Amino acid sequence: MDAMTAEFVIQGRSFSIGCSVGISIFPEHGTEVDGLIKNADAAMYCAKAAGRNNFRFYTEDMNAQALERLTLENNLRLALAKEQLFLMYQPQMDMATEKITGLERCSAGNTRN
């Protein structure tokens, strides 16, 4: 990781890149190449979520987290495509004066089909 994140110079310009690494170990995390790569990929996304330039070893719950995130993302894309999301504003009140002092926004799903 140190070698990957070291600054380098090309044609007089300095560059630096980040590096997030996911690690899966044979045979503990899989016995097939595809499974090991899938598990290392899940670990890499956890490393990125931890702030980049990190590494993570695969754990069983990573696939459940990835599936949950993917399901949420797909549901949001579907709701956007069907125009089922809209923005609402809720007044903030000063109870002593009974006056509106501000607004807060909240997103809501459209119950129309």
PDB file of N, CA and C in Angstrom:
ATOM      1  N   MET A   1       0.824  -1.185   0.000  1.00  0.00           N
ATOM      2  CA  MET A   1       0.000   0.000   0.000  1.00  0.00           C
ATOM      3  C   MET A   1       0.866   1.244   0.000  1.00  0.00           C
ATOM      4  N   ASP A   2       1.985   1.198   0.708  1.00  0.00           N
ATOM      5  CA  ASP A   2       2.883   2.354   0.706  1.00  0.00           C
ATOM      6  C   ASP A   2       3.392   2.646  -0.698  1.00  0.00           C
ATOM      7  N   ALA A   3       3.728   1.605  -1.453  1.00  0.00           N
ATOM      8  CA  ALA A   3       4.220   1.797  -2.818  1.00  0.00           C
ATOM      9  C   ALA A   3       3.131   2.380  -3.709  1.00  0.00           C
ATOM     10  N   MET A   4       1.886   1.967  -3.495  1.00  0.00           N
ATOM     11  CA  MET A   4       0.789   2.450  -4.325  1.00  0.00           C
ATOM     12  C   MET A   4       0.408   3.891  -4.017  1.00  0.00           C
ATOM     13  N   THR A   5       0.535   4.290  -2.766  1.00  0.00           N
ATOM     14  CA  THR A   5       0.104   5.628  -2.369  1.00  0.00           C
ATOM     15  C   THR A   5       1.232   6.649  -2.395  1.00  0.00           C
ATOM     16  N   ALA A   6       2.436   6.208  -2.751  1.00  0.00           N
ATOM     17  CA  ALA A   6       3.561   7.142  -2.831  1.00  0.00           C
ATOM     18  C   ALA A   6       3.329   8.133  -3.970  1.00  0.00           C
ATOM     19  N   GLU A   7       3.720   9.378  -3.745  1.00  0.00           N
ATOM     20  CA  GLU A   7       3.589  10.404  -4.779  1.00  0.00           C
ATOM     21  C   GLU A   7       4.587  10.119  -5.893  1.00  0.00           C
ATOM     22  N   PHE A   8       4.199  10.387  -7.130  1.00  0.00           N
ATOM     23  CA  PHE A   8       5.114  10.201  -8.251  1.00  0.00           C
ATOM     24  C   PHE A   8       5.005  11.394  -9.182  1.00  0.00           C
ATOM     25  N   VAL A   9       6.032  11.558 -10.028  1.00  0.00           N
ATOM     26  CA  VAL A   9       6.137  12.724 -10.901  1.00  0.00           C
ATOM     27  C   VAL A   9       6.186  12.255 -12.350  1.00  0.00           C
ATOM     28  N   ILE A  10       5.328  12.864 -13.186  1.00  0.00           N
ATOM     29  CA  ILE A  10       5.326  12.608 -14.623  1.00  0.00           C
ATOM     30  C   ILE A  10       5.419  13.949 -15.321  1.00  0.00           C
ATOM     31  N   GLN A  11       6.430  14.107 -16.133  1.00  0.00           N
ATOM     32  CA  GLN A  11       6.661  15.345 -16.873  1.00  0.00           C
ATOM     33  C   GLN A  11       6.583  16.568 -15.962  1.00  0.00           C
ATOM     34  N   GLY A  12       7.207  16.459 -14.802  1.00  0.00           N
ATOM     35  CA  GLY A  12       7.291  17.579 -13.883  1.00  0.00           C
ATOM     36  C   GLY A  12       6.047  17.823 -13.039  1.00  0.00           C
ATOM     37  N   ARG A  13       5.038  17.006 -13.182  1.00  0.00           N
ATOM     38  CA  ARG A  13       3.812  17.164 -12.397  1.00  0.00           C
ATOM     39  C   ARG A  13       3.703  16.057 -11.357  1.00  0.00           C
ATOM     40  N   SER A  14       3.334  16.451 -10.150  1.00  0.00           N
ATOM     41  CA  SER A  14       3.196  15.486  -9.056  1.00  0.00           C
ATOM     42  C   SER A  14       1.805  14.869  -9.063  1.00  0.00           C
ATOM     43  N   PHE A  15       1.774  13.564  -8.864  1.00  0.00           N
ATOM     44  CA  PHE A  15       0.523  12.828  -8.802  1.00  0.00           C
ATOM     45  C   PHE A  15       0.548  11.918  -7.591  1.00  0.00           C
ATOM     46  N   SER A  16      -0.624  11.657  -7.062  1.00  0.00           N
ATOM     47  CA  SER A  16      -0.749  10.643  -6.014  1.00  0.00           C
ATOM     48  C   SER A  16      -2.077   9.934  -6.232  1.00  0.00           C
ATOM     49  N   ILE A  17      -2.111   8.680  -5.892  1.00  0.00           N
ATOM     50  CA  ILE A  17      -3.325   7.890  -6.035  1.00  0.00           C
ATOM     51  C   ILE A  17      -3.627   7.213  -4.708  1.00  0.00           C
ATOM     52  N   GLY A  18      -4.868   6.809  -4.550  1.00  0.00           N
ATOM     53  CA  GLY A  18      -5.268   6.091  -3.356  1.00  0.00           C
ATOM     54  C   GLY A  18      -5.283   4.598  -3.620  1.00  0.00           C
ATOM     55  N   CYS A  19      -5.347   3.852  -2.558  1.00  0.00           N
ATOM     56  CA  CYS A  19      -5.322   2.403  -2.690  1.00  0.00           C
ATOM     57  C   CYS A  19      -6.202   1.788  -1.593  1.00  0.00           C
ATOM     58  N   SER A  20      -7.198   1.040  -2.009  1.00  0.00           N
ATOM     59  CA  SER A  20      -8.027   0.285  -1.071  1.00  0.00           C
ATOM     60  C   SER A  20      -7.913  -1.185  -1.451  1.00  0.00           C
ATOM     61  N   VAL A  21      -7.644  -2.027  -0.473  1.00  0.00           N
ATOM     62  CA  VAL A  21      -7.365  -3.434  -0.741  1.00  0.00           C
ATOM     63  C   VAL A  21      -8.344  -4.316   0.020  1.00  0.00           C
ATOM     64  N   GLY A  22      -8.921  -5.273  -0.694  1.00  0.00           N
ATOM     65  CA  GLY A  22      -9.756  -6.294  -0.074  1.00  0.00           C
ATOM     66  C   GLY A  22      -9.028  -7.619  -0.153  1.00  0.00           C
ATOM     67  N   ILE A  23      -9.032  -8.364   0.932  1.00  0.00           N
ATOM     68  CA  ILE A  23      -8.254  -9.597   1.015  1.00  0.00           C
ATOM     69  C   ILE A  23      -9.167 -10.770   1.347  1.00  0.00           C
ATOM     70  N   SER A  24      -9.082 -11.820   0.528  1.00  0.00           N
ATOM     71  CA  SER A  24      -9.735 -13.085   0.867  1.00  0.00           C
ATOM     72  C   SER A  24      -8.667 -14.172   0.802  1.00  0.00           C
ATOM     73  N   ILE A  25      -8.785 -15.161   1.674  1.00  0.00           N
ATOM     74  CA  ILE A  25      -7.739 -16.173   1.850  1.00  0.00           C
ATOM     75  C   ILE A  25      -8.281 -17.552   1.490  1.00  0.00           C
ATOM     76  N   PHE A  26      -7.520 -18.274   0.687  1.00  0.00           N
ATOM     77  CA  PHE A  26      -7.832 -19.659   0.330  1.00  0.00           C
ATOM     78  C   PHE A  26      -7.384 -20.567   1.457  1.00  0.00           C
ATOM     79  N   PRO A  27      -8.095 -21.523   1.908  1.00  0.00           N
ATOM     80  CA  PRO A  27      -9.461 -21.914   1.567  1.00  0.00           C
ATOM     81  C   PRO A  27     -10.508 -21.349   2.525  1.00  0.00           C
ATOM     82  N   GLU A  28     -10.069 -20.555   3.514  1.00  0.00           N
ATOM     83  CA  GLU A  28     -11.014 -20.053   4.527  1.00  0.00           C
ATOM     84  C   GLU A  28     -12.165 -19.255   3.927  1.00  0.00           C
ATOM     85  N   HIS A  29     -11.890 -18.484   2.893  1.00  0.00           N
ATOM     86  CA  HIS A  29     -12.904 -17.596   2.319  1.00  0.00           C
ATOM     87  C   HIS A  29     -13.427 -18.079   0.971  1.00  0.00           C
ATOM     88  N   GLY A  30     -13.020 -19.250   0.561  1.00  0.00           N
ATOM     89  CA  GLY A  30     -13.495 -19.814  -0.691  1.00  0.00           C
ATOM     90  C   GLY A  30     -12.458 -20.740  -1.293  1.00  0.00           C
ATOM     91  N   THR A  31     -12.942 -21.686  -2.092  1.00  0.00           N
ATOM     92  CA  THR A  31     -12.029 -22.631  -2.734  1.00  0.00           C
ATOM     93  C   THR A  31     -11.999 -22.449  -4.241  1.00  0.00           C
ATOM     94  N   GLU A  32     -12.877 -21.605  -4.767  1.00  0.00           N
ATOM     95  CA  GLU A  32     -12.921 -21.325  -6.201  1.00  0.00           C
ATOM     96  C   GLU A  32     -12.452 -19.897  -6.446  1.00  0.00           C
ATOM     97  N   VAL A  33     -11.807 -19.679  -7.584  1.00  0.00           N
ATOM     98  CA  VAL A  33     -11.279 -18.356  -7.920  1.00  0.00           C
ATOM     99  C   VAL A  33     -12.380 -17.303  -7.901  1.00  0.00           C
ATOM    100  N   ASP A  34     -13.513 -17.611  -8.531  1.00  0.00           N
ATOM    101  CA  ASP A  34     -14.600 -16.630  -8.597  1.00  0.00           C
ATOM    102  C   ASP A  34     -15.090 -16.222  -7.211  1.00  0.00           C
ATOM    103  N   GLY A  35     -15.225 -17.175  -6.320  1.00  0.00           N
ATOM    104  CA  GLY A  35     -15.666 -16.883  -4.960  1.00  0.00           C
ATOM    105  C   GLY A  35     -14.646 -16.051  -4.201  1.00  0.00           C
ATOM    106  N   LEU A  36     -13.384 -16.375  -4.354  1.00  0.00           N
ATOM    107  CA  LEU A  36     -12.331 -15.603  -3.682  1.00  0.00           C
ATOM    108  C   LEU A  36     -12.309 -14.161  -4.185  1.00  0.00           C
ATOM    109  N   ILE A  37     -12.468 -13.985  -5.492  1.00  0.00           N
ATOM    110  CA  ILE A  37     -12.470 -12.629  -6.060  1.00  0.00           C
ATOM    111  C   ILE A  37     -13.695 -11.861  -5.581  1.00  0.00           C
ATOM    112  N   LYS A  38     -14.847 -12.511  -5.570  1.00  0.00           N
ATOM    113  CA  LYS A  38     -16.076 -11.864  -5.097  1.00  0.00           C
ATOM    114  C   LYS A  38     -15.928 -11.433  -3.638  1.00  0.00           C
ATOM    115  N   ASN A  39     -15.356 -12.285  -2.813  1.00  0.00           N
ATOM    116  CA  ASN A  39     -15.173 -11.968  -1.401  1.00  0.00           C
ATOM    117  C   ASN A  39     -14.132 -10.869  -1.200  1.00  0.00           C
ATOM    118  N   ALA A  40     -13.058 -10.890  -1.977  1.00  0.00           N
ATOM    119  CA  ALA A  40     -12.053  -9.826  -1.901  1.00  0.00           C
ATOM    120  C   ALA A  40     -12.666  -8.500  -2.344  1.00  0.00           C
ATOM    121  N   ASP A  41     -13.551  -8.545  -3.340  1.00  0.00           N
ATOM    122  CA  ASP A  41     -14.226  -7.336  -3.812  1.00  0.00           C
ATOM    123  C   ASP A  41     -15.112  -6.753  -2.718  1.00  0.00           C
ATOM    124  N   ALA A  42     -15.849  -7.611  -2.016  1.00  0.00           N
ATOM    125  CA  ALA A  42     -16.686  -7.146  -0.904  1.00  0.00           C
ATOM    126  C   ALA A  42     -15.815  -6.505   0.180  1.00  0.00           C
ATOM    127  N   ALA A  43     -14.673  -7.100   0.469  1.00  0.00           N
ATOM    128  CA  ALA A  43     -13.756  -6.555   1.471  1.00  0.00           C
ATOM    129  C   ALA A  43     -13.187  -5.217   1.015  1.00  0.00           C
ATOM    130  N   MET A  44     -12.909  -5.088  -0.302  1.00  0.00           N
ATOM    131  CA  MET A  44     -12.378  -3.834  -0.824  1.00  0.00           C
ATOM    132  C   MET A  44     -13.392  -2.702  -0.639  1.00  0.00           C
ATOM    133  N   TYR A  45     -14.667  -2.966  -0.902  1.00  0.00           N
ATOM    134  CA  TYR A  45     -15.679  -1.930  -0.717  1.00  0.00           C
ATOM    135  C   TYR A  45     -15.799  -1.524   0.744  1.00  0.00           C
ATOM    136  N   CYS A  46     -15.622  -2.451   1.652  1.00  0.00           N
ATOM    137  CA  CYS A  46     -15.612  -2.110   3.077  1.00  0.00           C
ATOM    138  C   CYS A  46     -14.394  -1.248   3.414  1.00  0.00           C
ATOM    139  N   ALA A  47     -13.260  -1.549   2.793  1.00  0.00           N
ATOM    140  CA  ALA A  47     -12.056  -0.738   3.002  1.00  0.00           C
ATOM    141  C   ALA A  47     -12.285   0.680   2.497  1.00  0.00           C
ATOM    142  N   LYS A  48     -12.917   0.825   1.337  1.00  0.00           N
ATOM    143  CA  LYS A  48     -13.221   2.153   0.794  1.00  0.00           C
ATOM    144  C   LYS A  48     -14.168   2.908   1.717  1.00  0.00           C
ATOM    145  N   ALA A  49     -15.166   2.214   2.235  1.00  0.00           N
ATOM    146  CA  ALA A  49     -16.136   2.851   3.120  1.00  0.00           C
ATOM    147  C   ALA A  49     -15.487   3.316   4.419  1.00  0.00           C
ATOM    148  N   ALA A  50     -14.380   2.694   4.793  1.00  0.00           N
ATOM    149  CA  ALA A  50     -13.682   3.059   6.024  1.00  0.00           C
ATOM    150  C   ALA A  50     -12.785   4.275   5.833  1.00  0.00           C
ATOM    151  N   GLY A  51     -12.804   4.866   4.643  1.00  0.00           N
ATOM    152  CA  GLY A  51     -12.053   6.097   4.457  1.00  0.00           C
ATOM    153  C   GLY A  51     -10.950   6.024   3.430  1.00  0.00           C
ATOM    154  N   ARG A  52     -10.949   5.054   2.590  1.00  0.00           N
ATOM    155  CA  ARG A  52      -9.954   4.893   1.530  1.00  0.00           C
ATOM    156  C   ARG A  52      -8.557   4.675   2.131  1.00  0.00           C
ATOM    157  N   ASN A  53      -7.644   4.274   1.266  1.00  0.00           N
ATOM    158  CA  ASN A  53      -6.269   3.962   1.677  1.00  0.00           C
ATOM    159  C   ASN A  53      -6.245   3.032   2.885  1.00  0.00           C
ATOM    160  N   ASN A  54      -7.100   2.024   2.831  1.00  0.00           N
ATOM    161  CA  ASN A  54      -7.217   1.030   3.894  1.00  0.00           C
ATOM    162  C   ASN A  54      -7.211  -0.365   3.290  1.00  0.00           C
ATOM    163  N   PHE A  55      -7.141  -1.350   4.135  1.00  0.00           N
ATOM    164  CA  PHE A  55      -7.334  -2.728   3.694  1.00  0.00           C
ATOM    165  C   PHE A  55      -8.256  -3.419   4.674  1.00  0.00           C
ATOM    166  N   ARG A  56      -8.973  -4.407   4.181  1.00  0.00           N
ATOM    167  CA  ARG A  56      -9.861  -5.202   5.020  1.00  0.00           C
ATOM    168  C   ARG A  56      -9.772  -6.658   4.595  1.00  0.00           C
ATOM    169  N   PHE A  57      -9.820  -7.542   5.579  1.00  0.00           N
ATOM    170  CA  PHE A  57      -9.938  -8.964   5.315  1.00  0.00           C
ATOM    171  C   PHE A  57     -11.432  -9.293   5.215  1.00  0.00           C
ATOM    172  N   TYR A  58     -11.765 -10.214   4.346  1.00  0.00           N
ATOM    173  CA  TYR A  58     -13.151 -10.624   4.146  1.00  0.00           C
ATOM    174  C   TYR A  58     -13.725 -11.233   5.421  1.00  0.00           C
ATOM    175  N   THR A  59     -14.976 -10.912   5.715  1.00  0.00           N
ATOM    176  CA  THR A  59     -15.740 -11.565   6.781  1.00  0.00           C
ATOM    177  C   THR A  59     -17.101 -11.952   6.208  1.00  0.00           C
ATOM    178  N   GLU A  60     -17.749 -12.913   6.815  1.00  0.00           N
ATOM    179  CA  GLU A  60     -19.026 -13.430   6.320  1.00  0.00           C
ATOM    180  C   GLU A  60     -20.098 -12.352   6.180  1.00  0.00           C
ATOM    181  N   ASP A  61     -20.145 -11.400   7.109  1.00  0.00           N
ATOM    182  CA  ASP A  61     -21.219 -10.402   7.068  1.00  0.00           C
ATOM    183  C   ASP A  61     -21.052  -9.378   5.950  1.00  0.00           C
ATOM    184  N   MET A  62     -19.897  -9.343   5.292  1.00  0.00           N
ATOM    185  CA  MET A  62     -19.673  -8.379   4.212  1.00  0.00           C
ATOM    186  C   MET A  62     -20.609  -8.624   3.024  1.00  0.00           C
ATOM    187  N   ASN A  63     -20.871  -9.874   2.685  1.00  0.00           N
ATOM    188  CA  ASN A  63     -21.777 -10.161   1.570  1.00  0.00           C
ATOM    189  C   ASN A  63     -23.200  -9.736   1.913  1.00  0.00           C
ATOM    190  N   ALA A  64     -23.623  -9.915   3.165  1.00  0.00           N
ATOM    191  CA  ALA A  64     -24.958  -9.481   3.573  1.00  0.00           C
ATOM    192  C   ALA A  64     -25.065  -7.964   3.483  1.00  0.00           C
ATOM    193  N   GLN A  65     -24.019  -7.259   3.913  1.00  0.00           N
ATOM    194  CA  GLN A  65     -24.012  -5.798   3.826  1.00  0.00           C
ATOM    195  C   GLN A  65     -24.041  -5.346   2.368  1.00  0.00           C
ATOM    196  N   ALA A  66     -23.271  -6.002   1.520  1.00  0.00           N
ATOM    197  CA  ALA A  66     -23.241  -5.647   0.102  1.00  0.00           C
ATOM    198  C   ALA A  66     -24.601  -5.893  -0.542  1.00  0.00           C
ATOM    199  N   LEU A  67     -25.243  -7.000  -0.204  1.00  0.00           N
ATOM    200  CA  LEU A  67     -26.567  -7.299  -0.754  1.00  0.00           C
ATOM    201  C   LEU A  67     -27.593  -6.269  -0.285  1.00  0.00           C
ATOM    202  N   GLU A  68     -27.523  -5.894   0.969  1.00  0.00           N
ATOM    203  CA  GLU A  68     -28.440  -4.885   1.504  1.00  0.00           C
ATOM    204  C   GLU A  68     -28.248  -3.542   0.793  1.00  0.00           C
ATOM    205  N   ARG A  69     -27.002  -3.143   0.587  1.00  0.00           N
ATOM    206  CA  ARG A  69     -26.691  -1.890  -0.095  1.00  0.00           C
ATOM    207  C   ARG A  69     -27.159  -1.935  -1.548  1.00  0.00           C
ATOM    208  N   LEU A  70     -26.933  -3.054  -2.222  1.00  0.00           N
ATOM    209  CA  LEU A  70     -27.354  -3.213  -3.612  1.00  0.00           C
ATOM    210  C   LEU A  70     -28.877  -3.179  -3.731  1.00  0.00           C
ATOM    211  N   THR A  71     -29.579  -3.828  -2.817  1.00  0.00           N
ATOM    212  CA  THR A  71     -31.038  -3.824  -2.827  1.00  0.00           C
ATOM    213  C   THR A  71     -31.572  -2.403  -2.632  1.00  0.00           C
ATOM    214  N   LEU A  72     -31.007  -1.668  -1.683  1.00  0.00           N
ATOM    215  CA  LEU A  72     -31.428  -0.293  -1.445  1.00  0.00           C
ATOM    216  C   LEU A  72     -31.184   0.571  -2.683  1.00  0.00           C
ATOM    217  N   GLU A  73     -30.006   0.429  -3.268  1.00  0.00           N
ATOM    218  CA  GLU A  73     -29.677   1.207  -4.464  1.00  0.00           C
ATOM    219  C   GLU A  73     -30.637   0.894  -5.608  1.00  0.00           C
ATOM    220  N   ASN A  74     -30.921  -0.371  -5.835  1.00  0.00           N
ATOM    221  CA  ASN A  74     -31.853  -0.757  -6.899  1.00  0.00           C
ATOM    222  C   ASN A  74     -33.264  -0.226  -6.636  1.00  0.00           C
ATOM    223  N   ASN A  75     -33.708  -0.282  -5.384  1.00  0.00           N
ATOM    224  CA  ASN A  75     -35.028   0.240  -5.045  1.00  0.00           C
ATOM    225  C   ASN A  75     -35.106   1.751  -5.250  1.00  0.00           C
ATOM    226  N   LEU A  76     -34.044   2.471  -4.901  1.00  0.00           N
ATOM    227  CA  LEU A  76     -34.027   3.916  -5.119  1.00  0.00           C
ATOM    228  C   LEU A  76     -34.036   4.254  -6.606  1.00  0.00           C
ATOM    229  N   ARG A  77     -33.254   3.512  -7.409  1.00  0.00           N
ATOM    230  CA  ARG A  77     -33.256   3.747  -8.857  1.00  0.00           C
ATOM    231  C   ARG A  77     -34.644   3.496  -9.448  1.00  0.00           C
ATOM    232  N   LEU A  78     -35.295   2.453  -9.006  1.00  0.00           N
ATOM    233  CA  LEU A  78     -36.638   2.133  -9.487  1.00  0.00           C
ATOM    234  C   LEU A  78     -37.628   3.222  -9.087  1.00  0.00           C
ATOM    235  N   ALA A  79     -37.553   3.688  -7.851  1.00  0.00           N
ATOM    236  CA  ALA A  79     -38.442   4.751  -7.387  1.00  0.00           C
ATOM    237  C   ALA A  79     -38.207   6.042  -8.171  1.00  0.00           C
ATOM    238  N   LEU A  80     -36.967   6.357  -8.481  1.00  0.00           N
ATOM    239  CA  LEU A  80     -36.678   7.536  -9.303  1.00  0.00           C
ATOM    240  C   LEU A  80     -37.252   7.381 -10.703  1.00  0.00           C
ATOM    241  N   ALA A  81     -37.071   6.216 -11.291  1.00  0.00           N
ATOM    242  CA  ALA A  81     -37.576   5.971 -12.642  1.00  0.00           C
ATOM    243  C   ALA A  81     -39.099   6.076 -12.692  1.00  0.00           C
ATOM    244  N   LYS A  82     -39.765   5.663 -11.628  1.00  0.00           N
ATOM    245  CA  LYS A  82     -41.230   5.711 -11.576  1.00  0.00           C
ATOM    246  C   LYS A  82     -41.743   7.030 -10.996  1.00  0.00           C
ATOM    247  N   GLU A  83     -40.823   7.962 -10.730  1.00  0.00           N
ATOM    248  CA  GLU A  83     -41.160   9.269 -10.145  1.00  0.00           C
ATOM    249  C   GLU A  83     -41.971   9.112  -8.859  1.00  0.00           C
ATOM    250  N   GLN A  84     -41.517   8.221  -7.990  1.00  0.00           N
ATOM    251  CA  GLN A  84     -42.220   7.941  -6.740  1.00  0.00           C
ATOM    252  C   GLN A  84     -41.638   8.690  -5.545  1.00  0.00           C
ATOM    253  N   LEU A  85     -40.646   9.524  -5.768  1.00  0.00           N
ATOM    254  CA  LEU A  85     -40.053  10.301  -4.680  1.00  0.00           C
ATOM    255  C   LEU A  85     -40.414  11.769  -4.862  1.00  0.00           C
ATOM    256  N   PHE A  86     -40.656  12.447  -3.768  1.00  0.00           N
ATOM    257  CA  PHE A  86     -40.927  13.876  -3.836  1.00  0.00           C
ATOM    258  C   PHE A  86     -40.422  14.529  -2.561  1.00  0.00           C
ATOM    259  N   LEU A  87     -40.302  15.837  -2.579  1.00  0.00           N
ATOM    260  CA  LEU A  87     -39.762  16.589  -1.461  1.00  0.00           C
ATOM    261  C   LEU A  87     -40.892  17.309  -0.743  1.00  0.00           C
ATOM    262  N   MET A  88     -40.870  17.283   0.580  1.00  0.00           N
ATOM    263  CA  MET A  88     -41.880  17.967   1.388  1.00  0.00           C
ATOM    264  C   MET A  88     -41.159  18.844   2.404  1.00  0.00           C
ATOM    265  N   TYR A  89     -41.837  19.933   2.796  1.00  0.00           N
ATOM    266  CA  TYR A  89     -41.305  20.807   3.835  1.00  0.00           C
ATOM    267  C   TYR A  89     -42.236  20.786   5.031  1.00  0.00           C
ATOM    268  N   GLN A  90     -41.635  20.732   6.199  1.00  0.00           N
ATOM    269  CA  GLN A  90     -42.393  20.698   7.449  1.00  0.00           C
ATOM    270  C   GLN A  90     -42.047  21.959   8.237  1.00  0.00           C
ATOM    271  N   PRO A  91     -43.039  22.679   8.711  1.00  0.00           N
ATOM    272  CA  PRO A  91     -42.720  23.910   9.454  1.00  0.00           C
ATOM    273  C   PRO A  91     -42.106  23.597  10.821  1.00  0.00           C
ATOM    274  N   GLN A  92     -41.213  24.473  11.239  1.00  0.00           N
ATOM    275  CA  GLN A  92     -40.677  24.425  12.597  1.00  0.00           C
ATOM    276  C   GLN A  92     -41.359  25.561  13.359  1.00  0.00           C
ATOM    277  N   MET A  93     -41.923  25.243  14.489  1.00  0.00           N
ATOM    278  CA  MET A  93     -42.725  26.211  15.234  1.00  0.00           C
ATOM    279  C   MET A  93     -42.071  26.579  16.558  1.00  0.00           C
ATOM    280  N   ASP A  94     -42.230  27.839  16.925  1.00  0.00           N
ATOM    281  CA  ASP A  94     -41.900  28.292  18.277  1.00  0.00           C
ATOM    282  C   ASP A  94     -43.191  28.141  19.072  1.00  0.00           C
ATOM    283  N   MET A  95     -43.230  27.203  19.974  1.00  0.00           N
ATOM    284  CA  MET A  95     -44.466  26.889  20.691  1.00  0.00           C
ATOM    285  C   MET A  95     -44.913  28.050  21.589  1.00  0.00           C
ATOM    286  N   ALA A  96     -43.973  28.845  22.082  1.00  0.00           N
ATOM    287  CA  ALA A  96     -44.335  29.968  22.957  1.00  0.00           C
ATOM    288  C   ALA A  96     -45.060  31.053  22.174  1.00  0.00           C
ATOM    289  N   THR A  97     -44.598  31.333  20.951  1.00  0.00           N
ATOM    290  CA  THR A  97     -45.202  32.410  20.149  1.00  0.00           C
ATOM    291  C   THR A  97     -46.173  31.876  19.102  1.00  0.00           C
ATOM    292  N   GLU A  98     -46.168  30.568  18.919  1.00  0.00           N
ATOM    293  CA  GLU A  98     -46.987  29.916  17.893  1.00  0.00           C
ATOM    294  C   GLU A  98     -46.686  30.455  16.498  1.00  0.00           C
ATOM    295  N   LYS A  99     -45.426  30.850  16.261  1.00  0.00           N
ATOM    296  CA  LYS A  99     -45.013  31.347  14.960  1.00  0.00           C
ATOM    297  C   LYS A  99     -44.066  30.345  14.299  1.00  0.00           C
ATOM    298  N   ILE A 100     -44.130  30.325  12.983  1.00  0.00           N
ATOM    299  CA  ILE A 100     -43.208  29.484  12.209  1.00  0.00           C
ATOM    300  C   ILE A 100     -41.839  30.151  12.241  1.00  0.00           C
ATOM    301  N   THR A 101     -40.826  29.377  12.650  1.00  0.00           N
ATOM    302  CA  THR A 101     -39.473  29.920  12.740  1.00  0.00           C
ATOM    303  C   THR A 101     -38.552  29.378  11.652  1.00  0.00           C
ATOM    304  N   GLY A 102     -39.017  28.407  10.934  1.00  0.00           N
ATOM    305  CA  GLY A 102     -38.187  27.827   9.876  1.00  0.00           C
ATOM    306  C   GLY A 102     -38.894  26.653   9.233  1.00  0.00           C
ATOM    307  N   LEU A 103     -38.200  26.041   8.307  1.00  0.00           N
ATOM    308  CA  LEU A 103     -38.716  24.864   7.614  1.00  0.00           C
ATOM    309  C   LEU A 103     -37.643  23.799   7.610  1.00  0.00           C
ATOM    310  N   GLU A 104     -38.074  22.572   7.644  1.00  0.00           N
ATOM    311  CA  GLU A 104     -37.135  21.481   7.433  1.00  0.00           C
ATOM    312  C   GLU A 104     -37.689  20.618   6.313  1.00  0.00           C
ATOM    313  N   ARG A 105     -36.787  20.127   5.504  1.00  0.00           N
ATOM    314  CA  ARG A 105     -37.255  19.317   4.384  1.00  0.00           C
ATOM    315  C   ARG A 105     -37.159  17.844   4.737  1.00  0.00           C
ATOM    316  N   CYS A 106     -38.037  17.114   4.163  1.00  0.00           N
ATOM    317  CA  CYS A 106     -37.999  15.670   4.352  1.00  0.00           C
ATOM    318  C   CYS A 106     -38.405  15.026   3.030  1.00  0.00           C
ATOM    319  N   SER A 107     -37.706  13.993   2.654  1.00  0.00           N
ATOM    320  CA  SER A 107     -38.050  13.271   1.436  1.00  0.00           C
ATOM    321  C   SER A 107     -39.100  12.239   1.771  1.00  0.00           C
ATOM    322  N   ALA A 108     -39.957  11.984   0.835  1.00  0.00           N
ATOM    323  CA  ALA A 108     -41.006  10.992   1.072  1.00  0.00           C
ATOM    324  C   ALA A 108     -41.269  10.217  -0.195  1.00  0.00           C
ATOM    325  N   GLY A 109     -41.769   9.017  -0.022  1.00  0.00           N
ATOM    326  CA  GLY A 109     -42.149   8.206  -1.167  1.00  0.00           C
ATOM    327  C   GLY A 109     -43.580   8.507  -1.565  1.00  0.00           C
ATOM    328  N   ASN A 110     -43.815   8.426  -2.826  1.00  0.00           N
ATOM    329  CA  ASN A 110     -45.155   8.636  -3.362  1.00  0.00           C
ATOM    330  C   ASN A 110     -45.908   7.315  -3.271  1.00  0.00           C
ATOM    331  N   THR A 111     -47.082   7.346  -2.705  1.00  0.00           N
ATOM    332  CA  THR A 111     -47.851   6.095  -2.569  1.00  0.00           C
ATOM    333  C   THR A 111     -48.676   5.819  -3.815  1.00  0.00           C
ATOM    334  N   ARG A 112     -48.654   6.737  -4.787  1.00  0.00           N
ATOM    335  CA  ARG A 112     -49.379   6.485  -6.026  1.00  0.00           C
ATOM    336  C   ARG A 112     -48.664   5.423  -6.843  1.00  0.00           C
ATOM    337  N   ASN A 113     -49.399   4.615  -7.577  1.00  0.00           N
ATOM    338  CA  ASN A 113     -48.814   3.595  -8.458  1.00  0.00           C
ATOM    339  C   ASN A 113     -48.899   4.038  -9.890  1.00  0.00           C
TER     340      ASN A 113
END
